Amino acid sequence: MESVMAVVVGALFAASVYMMLRRSLVKLVIGLILLSNAANLLIFTVSGLTRGKPPLIPEGMDLPAGGWADPLPQALILTAIVIGFGVLAFAVVLIRRAYEVVGEDDLDKMRSTDL
């Protein structure tokens, strides 16, 4: 399962880099979305996928009887999702405002307006 996830994460990183290197601002935002999803999947894959196990140890026990899932990657992913959504919302608003002012989506044409 980890090898399949490694291929998926690699493909998402490659697609996100490709999209961010395009000249369109909309494709840049799509690349940012793919990059944040790839980073989240990478953290999950590296931490080890544990299914059906509780992330917390019951009160009064040192270790759970049936194993447990590490709660740290779950907390990191939750924080990354919230931060990624905030960055995405800011980028969408910034791109919309830039399009209203310049009237172009192409980054090369936007550069020519810096006189």
PDB file of N, CA and C in Angstrom:
ATOM      1  N   MET A   1       0.825  -1.196   0.000  1.00  0.00           N
ATOM      2  CA  MET A   1       0.000   0.000   0.000  1.00  0.00           C
ATOM      3  C   MET A   1       0.867   1.257   0.000  1.00  0.00           C
ATOM      4  N   GLU A   2       1.986   1.209   0.709  1.00  0.00           N
ATOM      5  CA  GLU A   2       2.841   2.389   0.766  1.00  0.00           C
ATOM      6  C   GLU A   2       3.471   2.706  -0.583  1.00  0.00           C
ATOM      7  N   SER A   3       3.767   1.673  -1.373  1.00  0.00           N
ATOM      8  CA  SER A   3       4.366   1.923  -2.681  1.00  0.00           C
ATOM      9  C   SER A   3       3.363   2.587  -3.628  1.00  0.00           C
ATOM     10  N   VAL A   4       2.096   2.191  -3.540  1.00  0.00           N
ATOM     11  CA  VAL A   4       1.063   2.837  -4.358  1.00  0.00           C
ATOM     12  C   VAL A   4       0.895   4.291  -3.933  1.00  0.00           C
ATOM     13  N   MET A   5       0.886   4.524  -2.626  1.00  0.00           N
ATOM     14  CA  MET A   5       0.750   5.896  -2.134  1.00  0.00           C
ATOM     15  C   MET A   5       1.954   6.750  -2.529  1.00  0.00           C
ATOM     16  N   ALA A   6       3.149   6.145  -2.552  1.00  0.00           N
ATOM     17  CA  ALA A   6       4.338   6.886  -2.969  1.00  0.00           C
ATOM     18  C   ALA A   6       4.228   7.317  -4.426  1.00  0.00           C
ATOM     19  N   VAL A   7       3.702   6.446  -5.268  1.00  0.00           N
ATOM     20  CA  VAL A   7       3.511   6.800  -6.685  1.00  0.00           C
ATOM     21  C   VAL A   7       2.461   7.897  -6.822  1.00  0.00           C
ATOM     22  N   VAL A   8       1.379   7.798  -6.058  1.00  0.00           N
ATOM     23  CA  VAL A   8       0.328   8.822  -6.106  1.00  0.00           C
ATOM     24  C   VAL A   8       0.866  10.169  -5.637  1.00  0.00           C
ATOM     25  N   VAL A   9       1.621  10.161  -4.552  1.00  0.00           N
ATOM     26  CA  VAL A   9       2.197  11.417  -4.038  1.00  0.00           C
ATOM     27  C   VAL A   9       3.172  12.006  -5.048  1.00  0.00           C
ATOM     28  N   GLY A  10       4.008  11.166  -5.653  1.00  0.00           N
ATOM     29  CA  GLY A  10       4.939  11.648  -6.665  1.00  0.00           C
ATOM     30  C   GLY A  10       4.225  12.243  -7.863  1.00  0.00           C
ATOM     31  N   ALA A  11       3.143  11.594  -8.296  1.00  0.00           N
ATOM     32  CA  ALA A  11       2.373  12.111  -9.427  1.00  0.00           C
ATOM     33  C   ALA A  11       1.711  13.444  -9.074  1.00  0.00           C
ATOM     34  N   LEU A  12       1.203  13.555  -7.852  1.00  0.00           N
ATOM     35  CA  LEU A  12       0.585  14.818  -7.435  1.00  0.00           C
ATOM     36  C   LEU A  12       1.616  15.940  -7.350  1.00  0.00           C
ATOM     37  N   PHE A  13       2.801  15.649  -6.822  1.00  0.00           N
ATOM     38  CA  PHE A  13       3.853  16.659  -6.776  1.00  0.00           C
ATOM     39  C   PHE A  13       4.272  17.078  -8.186  1.00  0.00           C
ATOM     40  N   ALA A  14       4.413  16.105  -9.082  1.00  0.00           N
ATOM     41  CA  ALA A  14       4.802  16.424 -10.457  1.00  0.00           C
ATOM     42  C   ALA A  14       3.733  17.265 -11.149  1.00  0.00           C
ATOM     43  N   ALA A  15       2.471  16.897 -10.971  1.00  0.00           N
ATOM     44  CA  ALA A  15       1.385  17.660 -11.581  1.00  0.00           C
ATOM     45  C   ALA A  15       1.298  19.066 -11.000  1.00  0.00           C
ATOM     46  N   SER A  16       1.527  19.186  -9.699  1.00  0.00           N
ATOM     47  CA  SER A  16       1.450  20.519  -9.088  1.00  0.00           C
ATOM     48  C   SER A  16       2.583  21.421  -9.557  1.00  0.00           C
ATOM     49  N   VAL A  17       3.785  20.882  -9.682  1.00  0.00           N
ATOM     50  CA  VAL A  17       4.903  21.686 -10.184  1.00  0.00           C
ATOM     51  C   VAL A  17       4.649  22.095 -11.628  1.00  0.00           C
ATOM     52  N   TYR A  18       4.136  21.163 -12.437  1.00  0.00           N
ATOM     53  CA  TYR A  18       3.824  21.480 -13.824  1.00  0.00           C
ATOM     54  C   TYR A  18       2.782  22.593 -13.907  1.00  0.00           C
ATOM     55  N   MET A  19       1.738  22.502 -13.088  1.00  0.00           N
ATOM     56  CA  MET A  19       0.684  23.522 -13.123  1.00  0.00           C
ATOM     57  C   MET A  19       1.189  24.868 -12.616  1.00  0.00           C
ATOM     58  N   MET A  20       2.063  24.867 -11.627  1.00  0.00           N
ATOM     59  CA  MET A  20       2.563  26.137 -11.106  1.00  0.00           C
ATOM     60  C   MET A  20       3.546  26.808 -12.053  1.00  0.00           C
ATOM     61  N   LEU A  21       4.150  26.053 -12.958  1.00  0.00           N
ATOM     62  CA  LEU A  21       5.073  26.635 -13.922  1.00  0.00           C
ATOM     63  C   LEU A  21       4.365  27.162 -15.174  1.00  0.00           C
ATOM     64  N   ARG A  22       3.064  26.986 -15.277  1.00  0.00           N
ATOM     65  CA  ARG A  22       2.310  27.510 -16.408  1.00  0.00           C
ATOM     66  C   ARG A  22       2.177  29.016 -16.273  1.00  0.00           C
ATOM     67  N   ARG A  23       1.757  29.689 -17.331  1.00  0.00           N
ATOM     68  CA  ARG A  23       1.698  31.149 -17.316  1.00  0.00           C
ATOM     69  C   ARG A  23       0.370  31.691 -16.806  1.00  0.00           C
ATOM     70  N   SER A  24      -0.611  30.852 -16.596  1.00  0.00           N
ATOM     71  CA  SER A  24      -1.934  31.297 -16.174  1.00  0.00           C
ATOM     72  C   SER A  24      -2.030  31.338 -14.652  1.00  0.00           C
ATOM     73  N   LEU A  25      -2.708  32.359 -14.154  1.00  0.00           N
ATOM     74  CA  LEU A  25      -2.886  32.473 -12.708  1.00  0.00           C
ATOM     75  C   LEU A  25      -3.842  31.413 -12.168  1.00  0.00           C
ATOM     76  N   VAL A  26      -4.839  31.047 -12.945  1.00  0.00           N
ATOM     77  CA  VAL A  26      -5.780  30.013 -12.504  1.00  0.00           C
ATOM     78  C   VAL A  26      -5.060  28.674 -12.372  1.00  0.00           C
ATOM     79  N   LYS A  27      -4.173  28.376 -13.305  1.00  0.00           N
ATOM     80  CA  LYS A  27      -3.403  27.132 -13.220  1.00  0.00           C
ATOM     81  C   LYS A  27      -2.439  27.163 -12.036  1.00  0.00           C
ATOM     82  N   LEU A  28      -1.982  28.341 -11.669  1.00  0.00           N
ATOM     83  CA  LEU A  28      -1.144  28.481 -10.481  1.00  0.00           C
ATOM     84  C   LEU A  28      -1.916  28.092  -9.230  1.00  0.00           C
ATOM     85  N   VAL A  29      -3.156  28.521  -9.131  1.00  0.00           N
ATOM     86  CA  VAL A  29      -3.985  28.177  -7.966  1.00  0.00           C
ATOM     87  C   VAL A  29      -4.279  26.680  -7.945  1.00  0.00           C
ATOM     88  N   ILE A  30      -4.549  26.093  -9.098  1.00  0.00           N
ATOM     89  CA  ILE A  30      -4.776  24.642  -9.161  1.00  0.00           C
ATOM     90  C   ILE A  30      -3.520  23.905  -8.721  1.00  0.00           C
ATOM     91  N   GLY A  31      -2.353  24.398  -9.116  1.00  0.00           N
ATOM     92  CA  GLY A  31      -1.095  23.792  -8.674  1.00  0.00           C
ATOM     93  C   GLY A  31      -0.907  23.894  -7.175  1.00  0.00           C
ATOM     94  N   LEU A  32      -1.304  25.022  -6.594  1.00  0.00           N
ATOM     95  CA  LEU A  32      -1.217  25.164  -5.138  1.00  0.00           C
ATOM     96  C   LEU A  32      -2.127  24.168  -4.421  1.00  0.00           C
ATOM     97  N   ILE A  33      -3.321  23.950  -4.960  1.00  0.00           N
ATOM     98  CA  ILE A  33      -4.244  22.983  -4.363  1.00  0.00           C
ATOM     99  C   ILE A  33      -3.635  21.582  -4.417  1.00  0.00           C
ATOM    100  N   LEU A  34      -3.111  21.221  -5.587  1.00  0.00           N
ATOM    101  CA  LEU A  34      -2.500  19.895  -5.731  1.00  0.00           C
ATOM    102  C   LEU A  34      -1.286  19.730  -4.826  1.00  0.00           C
ATOM    103  N   LEU A  35      -0.511  20.798  -4.671  1.00  0.00           N
ATOM    104  CA  LEU A  35       0.673  20.728  -3.814  1.00  0.00           C
ATOM    105  C   LEU A  35       0.294  20.510  -2.354  1.00  0.00           C
ATOM    106  N   SER A  36      -0.735  21.188  -1.877  1.00  0.00           N
ATOM    107  CA  SER A  36      -1.138  20.993  -0.485  1.00  0.00           C
ATOM    108  C   SER A  36      -1.699  19.589  -0.271  1.00  0.00           C
ATOM    109  N   ASN A  37      -2.461  19.066  -1.234  1.00  0.00           N
ATOM    110  CA  ASN A  37      -2.971  17.699  -1.108  1.00  0.00           C
ATOM    111  C   ASN A  37      -1.840  16.684  -1.155  1.00  0.00           C
ATOM    112  N   ALA A  38      -0.854  16.917  -2.000  1.00  0.00           N
ATOM    113  CA  ALA A  38       0.289  15.996  -2.073  1.00  0.00           C
ATOM    114  C   ALA A  38       1.080  16.001  -0.770  1.00  0.00           C
ATOM    115  N   ALA A  39       1.254  17.170  -0.181  1.00  0.00           N
ATOM    116  CA  ALA A  39       1.980  17.247   1.089  1.00  0.00           C
ATOM    117  C   ALA A  39       1.220  16.527   2.199  1.00  0.00           C
ATOM    118  N   ASN A  40      -0.096  16.664   2.220  1.00  0.00           N
ATOM    119  CA  ASN A  40      -0.903  15.965   3.223  1.00  0.00           C
ATOM    120  C   ASN A  40      -0.805  14.449   3.056  1.00  0.00           C
ATOM    121  N   LEU A  41      -0.904  13.980   1.826  1.00  0.00           N
ATOM    122  CA  LEU A  41      -0.770  12.543   1.586  1.00  0.00           C
ATOM    123  C   LEU A  41       0.626  12.035   1.929  1.00  0.00           C
ATOM    124  N   LEU A  42       1.637  12.863   1.689  1.00  0.00           N
ATOM    125  CA  LEU A  42       3.004  12.474   2.040  1.00  0.00           C
ATOM    126  C   LEU A  42       3.154  12.287   3.543  1.00  0.00           C
ATOM    127  N   ILE A  43       2.592  13.193   4.317  1.00  0.00           N
ATOM    128  CA  ILE A  43       2.671  13.068   5.774  1.00  0.00           C
ATOM    129  C   ILE A  43       1.950  11.801   6.239  1.00  0.00           C
ATOM    130  N   PHE A  44       0.769  11.540   5.678  1.00  0.00           N
ATOM    131  CA  PHE A  44       0.046  10.323   6.043  1.00  0.00           C
ATOM    132  C   PHE A  44       0.828   9.071   5.675  1.00  0.00           C
ATOM    133  N   THR A  45       1.441   9.058   4.502  1.00  0.00           N
ATOM    134  CA  THR A  45       2.165   7.879   4.050  1.00  0.00           C
ATOM    135  C   THR A  45       3.408   7.633   4.886  1.00  0.00           C
ATOM    136  N   VAL A  46       4.145   8.674   5.185  1.00  0.00           N
ATOM    137  CA  VAL A  46       5.374   8.526   5.961  1.00  0.00           C
ATOM    138  C   VAL A  46       5.078   8.086   7.390  1.00  0.00           C
ATOM    139  N   SER A  47       3.953   8.555   7.940  1.00  0.00           N
ATOM    140  CA  SER A  47       3.641   8.204   9.327  1.00  0.00           C
ATOM    141  C   SER A  47       3.137   6.776   9.465  1.00  0.00           C
ATOM    142  N   GLY A  48       2.785   6.157   8.377  1.00  0.00           N
ATOM    143  CA  GLY A  48       2.274   4.785   8.445  1.00  0.00           C
ATOM    144  C   GLY A  48       0.765   4.790   8.567  1.00  0.00           C
ATOM    145  N   LEU A  49       0.122   4.098   7.663  1.00  0.00           N
ATOM    146  CA  LEU A  49      -1.337   4.073   7.660  1.00  0.00           C
ATOM    147  C   LEU A  49      -1.824   3.006   8.631  1.00  0.00           C
ATOM    148  N   THR A  50      -2.604   3.415   9.609  1.00  0.00           N
ATOM    149  CA  THR A  50      -3.155   2.507  10.610  1.00  0.00           C
ATOM    150  C   THR A  50      -4.668   2.602  10.549  1.00  0.00           C
ATOM    151  N   ARG A  51      -5.321   1.490  10.238  1.00  0.00           N
ATOM    152  CA  ARG A  51      -6.779   1.509  10.094  1.00  0.00           C
ATOM    153  C   ARG A  51      -7.451   0.850  11.292  1.00  0.00           C
ATOM    154  N   GLY A  52      -8.547   1.441  11.722  1.00  0.00           N
ATOM    155  CA  GLY A  52      -9.369   0.828  12.745  1.00  0.00           C
ATOM    156  C   GLY A  52      -8.794   0.868  14.149  1.00  0.00           C
ATOM    157  N   LYS A  53      -7.786   1.658  14.380  1.00  0.00           N
ATOM    158  CA  LYS A  53      -7.183   1.758  15.713  1.00  0.00           C
ATOM    159  C   LYS A  53      -7.472   3.147  16.278  1.00  0.00           C
ATOM    160  N   PRO A  54      -7.686   3.246  17.579  1.00  0.00           N
ATOM    161  CA  PRO A  54      -7.975   4.557  18.165  1.00  0.00           C
ATOM    162  C   PRO A  54      -6.698   5.400  18.270  1.00  0.00           C
ATOM    163  N   PRO A  55      -6.801   6.721  18.081  1.00  0.00           N
ATOM    164  CA  PRO A  55      -5.626   7.569  18.222  1.00  0.00           C
ATOM    165  C   PRO A  55      -5.309   7.929  19.673  1.00  0.00           C
ATOM    166  N   LEU A  56      -6.166   7.554  20.603  1.00  0.00           N
ATOM    167  CA  LEU A  56      -5.961   7.889  22.013  1.00  0.00           C
ATOM    168  C   LEU A  56      -5.883   6.622  22.853  1.00  0.00           C
ATOM    169  N   ILE A  57      -5.130   6.695  23.925  1.00  0.00           N
ATOM    170  CA  ILE A  57      -5.009   5.572  24.857  1.00  0.00           C
ATOM    171  C   ILE A  57      -6.086   5.741  25.922  1.00  0.00           C
ATOM    172  N   PRO A  58      -6.848   4.699  26.238  1.00  0.00           N
ATOM    173  CA  PRO A  58      -7.901   4.823  27.250  1.00  0.00           C
ATOM    174  C   PRO A  58      -7.325   5.220  28.616  1.00  0.00           C
ATOM    175  N   GLU A  59      -8.149   5.858  29.405  1.00  0.00           N
ATOM    176  CA  GLU A  59      -7.738   6.329  30.725  1.00  0.00           C
ATOM    177  C   GLU A  59      -7.433   5.140  31.645  1.00  0.00           C
ATOM    178  N   GLY A  60      -6.332   5.240  32.341  1.00  0.00           N
ATOM    179  CA  GLY A  60      -5.935   4.207  33.272  1.00  0.00           C
ATOM    180  C   GLY A  60      -5.061   3.115  32.667  1.00  0.00           C
ATOM    181  N   MET A  61      -4.741   3.203  31.386  1.00  0.00           N
ATOM    182  CA  MET A  61      -3.905   2.196  30.732  1.00  0.00           C
ATOM    183  C   MET A  61      -2.625   2.860  30.228  1.00  0.00           C
ATOM    184  N   ASP A  62      -1.549   2.095  30.269  1.00  0.00           N
ATOM    185  CA  ASP A  62      -0.292   2.599  29.716  1.00  0.00           C
ATOM    186  C   ASP A  62      -0.264   2.456  28.198  1.00  0.00           C
ATOM    187  N   LEU A  63      -0.719   1.325  27.707  1.00  0.00           N
ATOM    188  CA  LEU A  63      -0.797   1.065  26.271  1.00  0.00           C
ATOM    189  C   LEU A  63      -2.133   0.407  25.964  1.00  0.00           C
ATOM    190  N   PRO A  64      -2.727   0.716  24.829  1.00  0.00           N
ATOM    191  CA  PRO A  64      -3.987   0.040  24.495  1.00  0.00           C
ATOM    192  C   PRO A  64      -3.728  -1.422  24.140  1.00  0.00           C
ATOM    193  N   ALA A  65      -4.725  -2.257  24.336  1.00  0.00           N
ATOM    194  CA  ALA A  65      -4.568  -3.690  24.119  1.00  0.00           C
ATOM    195  C   ALA A  65      -4.426  -4.039  22.634  1.00  0.00           C
ATOM    196  N   GLY A  66      -5.135  -3.345  21.759  1.00  0.00           N
ATOM    197  CA  GLY A  66      -5.137  -3.713  20.345  1.00  0.00           C
ATOM    198  C   GLY A  66      -4.312  -2.811  19.456  1.00  0.00           C
ATOM    199  N   GLY A  67      -3.407  -2.054  19.990  1.00  0.00           N
ATOM    200  CA  GLY A  67      -2.624  -1.119  19.194  1.00  0.00           C
ATOM    201  C   GLY A  67      -3.281   0.256  19.138  1.00  0.00           C
ATOM    202  N   TRP A  68      -2.581   1.185  18.535  1.00  0.00           N
ATOM    203  CA  TRP A  68      -3.100   2.547  18.473  1.00  0.00           C
ATOM    204  C   TRP A  68      -2.515   3.267  17.261  1.00  0.00           C
ATOM    205  N   ALA A  69      -3.193   4.305  16.852  1.00  0.00           N
ATOM    206  CA  ALA A  69      -2.743   5.140  15.736  1.00  0.00           C
ATOM    207  C   ALA A  69      -2.088   6.390  16.302  1.00  0.00           C
ATOM    208  N   ASP A  70      -1.045   6.841  15.662  1.00  0.00           N
ATOM    209  CA  ASP A  70      -0.325   8.032  16.116  1.00  0.00           C
ATOM    210  C   ASP A  70      -1.173   9.275  15.830  1.00  0.00           C
ATOM    211  N   PRO A  71      -1.525  10.064  16.854  1.00  0.00           N
ATOM    212  CA  PRO A  71      -2.380  11.228  16.620  1.00  0.00           C
ATOM    213  C   PRO A  71      -1.628  12.442  16.066  1.00  0.00           C
ATOM    214  N   LEU A  72      -0.303  12.445  16.121  1.00  0.00           N
ATOM    215  CA  LEU A  72       0.456  13.610  15.654  1.00  0.00           C
ATOM    216  C   LEU A  72       0.279  13.868  14.158  1.00  0.00           C
ATOM    217  N   PRO A  73       0.384  12.874  13.275  1.00  0.00           N
ATOM    218  CA  PRO A  73       0.150  13.163  11.854  1.00  0.00           C
ATOM    219  C   PRO A  73      -1.270  13.654  11.573  1.00  0.00           C
ATOM    220  N   GLN A  74      -2.231  13.148  12.325  1.00  0.00           N
ATOM    221  CA  GLN A  74      -3.603  13.606  12.139  1.00  0.00           C
ATOM    222  C   GLN A  74      -3.739  15.082  12.503  1.00  0.00           C
ATOM    223  N   ALA A  75      -3.087  15.486  13.582  1.00  0.00           N
ATOM    224  CA  ALA A  75      -3.124  16.893  13.979  1.00  0.00           C
ATOM    225  C   ALA A  75      -2.384  17.765  12.977  1.00  0.00           C
ATOM    226  N   LEU A  76      -1.250  17.283  12.469  1.00  0.00           N
ATOM    227  CA  LEU A  76      -0.510  18.043  11.463  1.00  0.00           C
ATOM    228  C   LEU A  76      -1.316  18.215  10.185  1.00  0.00           C
ATOM    229  N   ILE A  77      -1.998  17.173   9.751  1.00  0.00           N
ATOM    230  CA  ILE A  77      -2.806  17.247   8.538  1.00  0.00           C
ATOM    231  C   ILE A  77      -3.979  18.193   8.732  1.00  0.00           C
ATOM    232  N   LEU A  78      -4.629  18.123   9.870  1.00  0.00           N
ATOM    233  CA  LEU A  78      -5.750  19.027  10.134  1.00  0.00           C
ATOM    234  C   LEU A  78      -5.291  20.481  10.106  1.00  0.00           C
ATOM    235  N   THR A  79      -4.153  20.764  10.711  1.00  0.00           N
ATOM    236  CA  THR A  79      -3.600  22.121  10.685  1.00  0.00           C
ATOM    237  C   THR A  79      -3.219  22.525   9.268  1.00  0.00           C
ATOM    238  N   ALA A  80      -2.630  21.602   8.507  1.00  0.00           N
ATOM    239  CA  ALA A  80      -2.241  21.907   7.126  1.00  0.00           C
ATOM    240  C   ALA A  80      -3.455  22.170   6.248  1.00  0.00           C
ATOM    241  N   ILE A  81      -4.558  21.471   6.485  1.00  0.00           N
ATOM    242  CA  ILE A  81      -5.772  21.704   5.706  1.00  0.00           C
ATOM    243  C   ILE A  81      -6.311  23.097   5.964  1.00  0.00           C
ATOM    244  N   VAL A  82      -6.342  23.513   7.219  1.00  0.00           N
ATOM    245  CA  VAL A  82      -6.851  24.835   7.564  1.00  0.00           C
ATOM    246  C   VAL A  82      -5.949  25.935   6.989  1.00  0.00           C
ATOM    247  N   ILE A  83      -4.648  25.783   7.127  1.00  0.00           N
ATOM    248  CA  ILE A  83      -3.721  26.784   6.589  1.00  0.00           C
ATOM    249  C   ILE A  83      -3.784  26.805   5.067  1.00  0.00           C
ATOM    250  N   GLY A  84      -3.864  25.631   4.455  1.00  0.00           N
ATOM    251  CA  GLY A  84      -3.971  25.563   3.000  1.00  0.00           C
ATOM    252  C   GLY A  84      -5.232  26.224   2.488  1.00  0.00           C
ATOM    253  N   PHE A  85      -6.347  26.057   3.190  1.00  0.00           N
ATOM    254  CA  PHE A  85      -7.581  26.711   2.782  1.00  0.00           C
ATOM    255  C   PHE A  85      -7.459  28.231   2.893  1.00  0.00           C
ATOM    256  N   GLY A  86      -6.815  28.709   3.945  1.00  0.00           N
ATOM    257  CA  GLY A  86      -6.614  30.150   4.088  1.00  0.00           C
ATOM    258  C   GLY A  86      -5.738  30.723   2.988  1.00  0.00           C
ATOM    259  N   VAL A  87      -4.659  30.030   2.661  1.00  0.00           N
ATOM    260  CA  VAL A  87      -3.768  30.480   1.579  1.00  0.00           C
ATOM    261  C   VAL A  87      -4.503  30.451   0.256  1.00  0.00           C
ATOM    262  N   LEU A  88      -5.300  29.413   0.029  1.00  0.00           N
ATOM    263  CA  LEU A  88      -6.053  29.316  -1.213  1.00  0.00           C
ATOM    264  C   LEU A  88      -7.081  30.436  -1.334  1.00  0.00           C
ATOM    265  N   ALA A  89      -7.790  30.737  -0.262  1.00  0.00           N
ATOM    266  CA  ALA A  89      -8.766  31.823  -0.293  1.00  0.00           C
ATOM    267  C   ALA A  89      -8.086  33.158  -0.572  1.00  0.00           C
ATOM    268  N   PHE A  90      -6.941  33.399   0.056  1.00  0.00           N
ATOM    269  CA  PHE A  90      -6.204  34.632  -0.189  1.00  0.00           C
ATOM    270  C   PHE A  90      -5.727  34.703  -1.636  1.00  0.00           C
ATOM    271  N   ALA A  91      -5.231  33.580  -2.174  1.00  0.00           N
ATOM    272  CA  ALA A  91      -4.739  33.567  -3.554  1.00  0.00           C
ATOM    273  C   ALA A  91      -5.865  33.814  -4.544  1.00  0.00           C
ATOM    274  N   VAL A  92      -7.037  33.244  -4.300  1.00  0.00           N
ATOM    275  CA  VAL A  92      -8.171  33.456  -5.209  1.00  0.00           C
ATOM    276  C   VAL A  92      -8.586  34.924  -5.210  1.00  0.00           C
ATOM    277  N   VAL A  93      -8.663  35.539  -4.049  1.00  0.00           N
ATOM    278  CA  VAL A  93      -9.032  36.952  -3.969  1.00  0.00           C
ATOM    279  C   VAL A  93      -7.968  37.824  -4.621  1.00  0.00           C
ATOM    280  N   LEU A  94      -6.703  37.516  -4.395  1.00  0.00           N
ATOM    281  CA  LEU A  94      -5.618  38.290  -4.985  1.00  0.00           C
ATOM    282  C   LEU A  94      -5.613  38.164  -6.507  1.00  0.00           C
ATOM    283  N   ILE A  95      -5.844  36.975  -7.013  1.00  0.00           N
ATOM    284  CA  ILE A  95      -5.875  36.771  -8.459  1.00  0.00           C
ATOM    285  C   ILE A  95      -7.079  37.463  -9.079  1.00  0.00           C
ATOM    286  N   ARG A  96      -8.206  37.404  -8.413  1.00  0.00           N
ATOM    287  CA  ARG A  96      -9.390  38.099  -8.941  1.00  0.00           C
ATOM    288  C   ARG A  96      -9.155  39.598  -9.010  1.00  0.00           C
ATOM    289  N   ARG A  97      -8.560  40.147  -7.983  1.00  0.00           N
ATOM    290  CA  ARG A  97      -8.281  41.593  -7.982  1.00  0.00           C
ATOM    291  C   ARG A  97      -7.254  41.953  -9.057  1.00  0.00           C
ATOM    292  N   ALA A  98      -6.235  41.128  -9.225  1.00  0.00           N
ATOM    293  CA  ALA A  98      -5.237  41.385 -10.272  1.00  0.00           C
ATOM    294  C   ALA A  98      -5.870  41.309 -11.648  1.00  0.00           C
ATOM    295  N   TYR A  99      -6.797  40.388 -11.840  1.00  0.00           N
ATOM    296  CA  TYR A  99      -7.468  40.285 -13.132  1.00  0.00           C
ATOM    297  C   TYR A  99      -8.362  41.489 -13.391  1.00  0.00           C
ATOM    298  N   GLU A 100      -9.020  41.999 -12.334  1.00  0.00           N
ATOM    299  CA  GLU A 100      -9.854  43.190 -12.498  1.00  0.00           C
ATOM    300  C   GLU A 100      -9.027  44.414 -12.870  1.00  0.00           C
ATOM    301  N   VAL A 101      -7.853  44.546 -12.273  1.00  0.00           N
ATOM    302  CA  VAL A 101      -7.012  45.718 -12.524  1.00  0.00           C
ATOM    303  C   VAL A 101      -6.326  45.619 -13.882  1.00  0.00           C
ATOM    304  N   VAL A 102      -5.704  44.493 -14.173  1.00  0.00           N
ATOM    305  CA  VAL A 102      -4.900  44.350 -15.382  1.00  0.00           C
ATOM    306  C   VAL A 102      -5.742  43.882 -16.561  1.00  0.00           C
ATOM    307  N   GLY A 103      -6.713  43.023 -16.314  1.00  0.00           N
ATOM    308  CA  GLY A 103      -7.537  42.497 -17.383  1.00  0.00           C
ATOM    309  C   GLY A 103      -6.907  41.324 -18.119  1.00  0.00           C
ATOM    310  N   GLU A 104      -5.881  40.735 -17.547  1.00  0.00           N
ATOM    311  CA  GLU A 104      -5.177  39.604 -18.160  1.00  0.00           C
ATOM    312  C   GLU A 104      -4.975  38.500 -17.136  1.00  0.00           C
ATOM    313  N   ASP A 105      -4.920  37.273 -17.645  1.00  0.00           N
ATOM    314  CA  ASP A 105      -4.636  36.118 -16.805  1.00  0.00           C
ATOM    315  C   ASP A 105      -3.209  35.617 -17.020  1.00  0.00           C
ATOM    316  N   ASP A 106      -2.584  36.060 -18.095  1.00  0.00           N
ATOM    317  CA  ASP A 106      -1.248  35.613 -18.473  1.00  0.00           C
ATOM    318  C   ASP A 106      -0.197  36.390 -17.676  1.00  0.00           C
ATOM    319  N   LEU A 107       0.714  35.662 -17.032  1.00  0.00           N
ATOM    320  CA  LEU A 107       1.721  36.314 -16.191  1.00  0.00           C
ATOM    321  C   LEU A 107       2.705  37.147 -17.005  1.00  0.00           C
ATOM    322  N   ASP A 108       3.036  36.717 -18.232  1.00  0.00           N
ATOM    323  CA  ASP A 108       3.958  37.485 -19.060  1.00  0.00           C
ATOM    324  C   ASP A 108       3.356  38.822 -19.472  1.00  0.00           C
ATOM    325  N   LYS A 109       2.074  38.839 -19.765  1.00  0.00           N
ATOM    326  CA  LYS A 109       1.404  40.088 -20.129  1.00  0.00           C
ATOM    327  C   LYS A 109       1.202  40.996 -18.911  1.00  0.00           C
ATOM    328  N   MET A 110       1.078  40.398 -17.740  1.00  0.00           N
ATOM    329  CA  MET A 110       0.943  41.208 -16.522  1.00  0.00           C
ATOM    330  C   MET A 110       2.266  41.892 -16.190  1.00  0.00           C
ATOM    331  N   ARG A 111       3.379  41.259 -16.529  1.00  0.00           N
ATOM    332  CA  ARG A 111       4.675  41.849 -16.246  1.00  0.00           C
ATOM    333  C   ARG A 111       4.910  43.093 -17.088  1.00  0.00           C
ATOM    334  N   SER A 112       4.357  43.112 -18.298  1.00  0.00           N
ATOM    335  CA  SER A 112       4.572  44.259 -19.183  1.00  0.00           C
ATOM    336  C   SER A 112       3.830  45.508 -18.725  1.00  0.00           C
ATOM    337  N   THR A 113       2.934  45.377 -17.750  1.00  0.00           N
ATOM    338  CA  THR A 113       2.211  46.535 -17.241  1.00  0.00           C
ATOM    339  C   THR A 113       2.953  47.257 -16.127  1.00  0.00           C
ATOM    340  N   ASP A 114       4.135  46.755 -15.726  1.00  0.00           N
ATOM    341  CA  ASP A 114       4.903  47.376 -14.650  1.00  0.00           C
ATOM    342  C   ASP A 114       5.772  48.499 -15.205  1.00  0.00           C
ATOM    343  N   LEU A 115       5.171  49.594 -15.571  1.00  0.00           N
ATOM    344  CA  LEU A 115       5.944  50.706 -16.132  1.00  0.00           C
ATOM    345  C   LEU A 115       6.233  51.765 -15.136  1.00  0.00           C
TER     346      LEU A 115
END
